[in-house]
Amino acid sequence: MKYLNYKGYSGSIEYSEEDGLLFGKVLGISGLLSYEGETGKELERDFKESIDAYLDECKEEGKEPQKPFKGSFNVRIPSDLHQRAALLAMEAKMSLNAFVAESIRSRVLGSV
């Protein structure tokens, strides 16, 4: 799936057969920022306008805009997998955090 990107924010691209419209939502933040368009150019323009409007609203209200994908998240895995990963990390003389980051990096970049 392809995504729209603007000012550090990413958005989905979907199609509604029923409405004949492209639509999407900003990913990685709580709350709903959505956009739509009849063409790809309209969708992209509405996406950018929704981000700009959100940032302007945050500025007016004196609140910090949410940063999508801050680089921190909790993962729940089976205890035996946790143990195996921790032991492999120790063998490699790296932290478990670095081991997990490298494993994700390898999977994500390997799939490109």
Protein backbone atom coordinates (compact mmCIF):
# COMPACT_ATOMS: atom_id res chain seq x y z
CA MET A 1 0.00 0.00 0.00
CA LYS A 2 1.21 3.48 -0.81
CA TYR A 3 0.86 6.39 1.60
CA LEU A 4 0.73 10.15 1.41
CA ASN A 5 3.47 12.00 3.32
CA TYR A 6 3.61 15.64 4.39
CA LYS A 7 5.44 17.44 7.21
CA GLY A 8 6.29 14.14 8.92
CA TYR A 9 2.71 12.83 8.81
CA SER A 10 1.56 9.80 6.80
CA GLY A 11 -1.91 9.14 5.50
CA SER A 12 -3.74 6.17 4.05
CA ILE A 13 -5.21 5.99 0.55
CA GLU A 14 -8.49 4.12 0.14
CA TYR A 15 -11.29 4.01 -2.40
CA SER A 16 -15.03 3.97 -1.82
CA GLU A 17 -16.79 2.27 -4.74
CA GLU A 18 -20.11 3.34 -3.29
CA ASP A 19 -19.22 7.06 -3.31
CA GLY A 20 -16.72 7.00 -6.16
CA LEU A 21 -14.24 8.84 -3.94
CA LEU A 22 -10.70 8.40 -2.74
CA PHE A 23 -10.36 8.96 1.01
CA GLY A 24 -7.96 8.43 3.86
CA LYS A 25 -6.94 9.28 7.37
CA VAL A 26 -3.76 10.49 9.03
CA LEU A 27 -1.95 7.55 10.64
CA GLY A 28 -0.12 7.31 13.94
CA ILE A 29 -2.03 9.90 15.96
CA SER A 30 -5.07 9.67 18.20
CA GLY A 31 -8.11 11.49 16.96
CA LEU A 32 -9.36 11.52 13.42
CA LEU A 33 -7.91 13.63 10.64
CA SER A 34 -9.54 12.55 7.39
CA TYR A 35 -9.52 13.79 3.80
CA GLU A 36 -11.03 12.91 0.44
CA GLY A 37 -10.96 13.70 -3.24
CA GLU A 38 -12.28 12.58 -6.59
CA THR A 39 -8.76 12.40 -8.04
CA GLY A 40 -5.33 11.67 -6.67
CA LYS A 41 -4.39 15.35 -6.88
CA GLU A 42 -7.55 16.36 -4.98
CA LEU A 43 -6.87 13.72 -2.34
CA GLU A 44 -3.30 14.92 -1.88
CA ARG A 45 -4.39 18.56 -1.68
CA ASP A 46 -7.07 17.79 0.93
CA PHE A 47 -4.55 15.67 2.90
CA LYS A 48 -2.09 18.57 3.04
CA GLU A 49 -4.85 21.03 3.93
CA SER A 50 -6.01 18.80 6.80
CA ILE A 51 -2.45 18.63 8.19
CA ASP A 52 -2.00 22.40 7.88
CA ALA A 53 -5.39 23.03 9.52
CA TYR A 54 -4.50 20.66 12.38
CA LEU A 55 -1.14 22.36 12.94
CA ASP A 56 -2.76 25.82 12.82
CA GLU A 57 -5.43 24.74 15.31
CA CYS A 58 -2.80 23.38 17.70
CA LYS A 59 -0.85 26.63 17.44
CA GLU A 60 -3.97 28.74 18.09
CA GLU A 61 -4.87 26.63 21.12
CA GLY A 62 -1.30 26.65 22.42
CA LYS A 63 -1.04 22.87 22.44
CA GLU A 64 1.72 20.67 21.10
CA PRO A 65 0.71 18.78 17.93
CA GLN A 66 0.95 15.02 18.20
CA LYS A 67 4.02 13.54 16.62
CA PRO A 68 3.23 10.40 14.68
CA PHE A 69 5.39 7.34 15.19
CA LYS A 70 7.61 8.69 17.97
CA GLY A 71 9.87 5.65 17.86
CA SER A 72 8.60 4.15 21.09
CA PHE A 73 6.04 1.37 21.44
CA ASN A 74 5.26 -1.63 23.64
CA VAL A 75 5.32 -5.11 22.18
CA ARG A 76 3.84 -8.20 23.82
CA ILE A 77 5.51 -11.47 22.83
CA PRO A 78 5.56 -14.97 24.32
CA SER A 79 8.01 -15.33 27.20
CA ASP A 80 10.08 -17.98 25.40
CA LEU A 81 10.57 -15.64 22.43
CA HIS A 82 11.51 -12.82 24.82
CA GLN A 83 14.08 -15.10 26.47
CA ARG A 84 15.59 -16.23 23.15
CA ALA A 85 15.83 -12.65 21.90
CA ALA A 86 17.43 -11.46 25.14
CA LEU A 87 20.01 -14.26 25.03
CA LEU A 88 20.84 -13.57 21.37
CA ALA A 89 21.20 -9.87 22.20
CA MET A 90 23.60 -10.68 25.03
CA GLU A 91 25.64 -12.96 22.76
CA ALA A 92 25.87 -10.12 20.25
CA LYS A 93 26.89 -7.74 23.08
CA MET A 94 23.97 -5.42 22.41
CA SER A 95 20.93 -4.29 24.34
CA LEU A 96 17.61 -6.01 23.76
CA ASN A 97 16.29 -2.71 22.45
CA ALA A 98 19.09 -2.50 19.86
CA PHE A 99 18.53 -6.15 18.93
CA VAL A 100 14.80 -5.61 18.36
CA ALA A 101 15.43 -2.41 16.39
CA GLU A 102 17.95 -4.21 14.18
CA SER A 103 15.56 -7.13 13.67
CA ILE A 104 12.75 -4.80 12.63
CA ARG A 105 15.11 -2.79 10.41
CA SER A 106 16.23 -5.98 8.69
CA ARG A 107 12.65 -7.11 8.07
CA VAL A 108 11.39 -3.72 6.91
CA LEU A 109 14.33 -2.92 4.62
CA GLY A 110 14.52 -6.51 3.42
CA SER A 111 10.92 -6.34 2.19
CA VAL A 112 11.48 -3.29 -0.01
